[in-house]
Amino acid sequence: MKIIVICSGGLDSVSLAYKVAAEHELVGLLSFDYGQRHRKELDFAAACALRLKVPHQIIDIREIGRHLGGSALTDDIEVPDGHYAEESMKITIVPNRNAIMLSIAFGVAAAQKADAVATAVHGGDHFIYPDCRPAFIDAFQLMQNQALDGYADVTLYAPYVNISKADIVSDGAKYNTPFAETWSCYKGGEHQCGRCGTCVERREAFHLAGIDDPTNYEDPHFWAVATGNLCAQEIK
């Protein structure tokens, strides 16, 4: 199966790229510049494509992003610290982000004769992001079946949709994913902050998977204090 992976440069999507490269035919990585404050993640996606020796396309949808205001990921709004399970994390929603990106990706896949588009949405996203839930994945596939009827048959491949980020770390390790060469932090600083929702989730995932976290965090002890996991003090 020929698959295009939507790759942000984060831990989940880079792990997915390595999984697809091992199990299927990876034909390329597709990234989106929507005006995110952590745009440096796209450099990690580009580096992933180079390592896997596949084409990498960055689609500029910044003009669309400018009309999706009110998110801490795109506007001058402070990114909250803490776990994704906290209500405050809803400020990181970019409305319809995945629906927009997937629609474009399916068009690209149809034009390039790919069999599937892969997305790394996972179970940990369900609480905050409605366009990461299984119901959305199923509905989007039905919509695309109609949108491309008679022209192309493209499948939405979402192998992580019902599993945790810790499971993704375990799966990524199986395929030798270079976790240190991934970017999760929403703040886009010199190093990953260790405090925002995606950093806390990342640190927790490595802990639960029992795999060493190679990430250089600006605040390596925040997760330990926030969760009461004193063993996290051992992180680098």
Foldseek 3Di string as FASTA:
>chain_A
DEEEEAAQQALQRLLVQLVCVVPHHYAEYEYEPQQFLQSVSVVLVVVSCVVSVHYYYYHYNNVVSVVQDQAPRHDVDDFAFDAPLDPVNLSHDRPCVVVVVVVVVVVVCLVVVGAEYEYRQADSCVNRYVCLAPVNQVVSQVVVCVVCPPRHHYHYHHPHSYDALLVSVVSSVVSPRPNQSGDFASNNDPFRACTGHRNLSNLVSCVVNVHADPGDHPDQCNNCVNPVPPVSVPHD
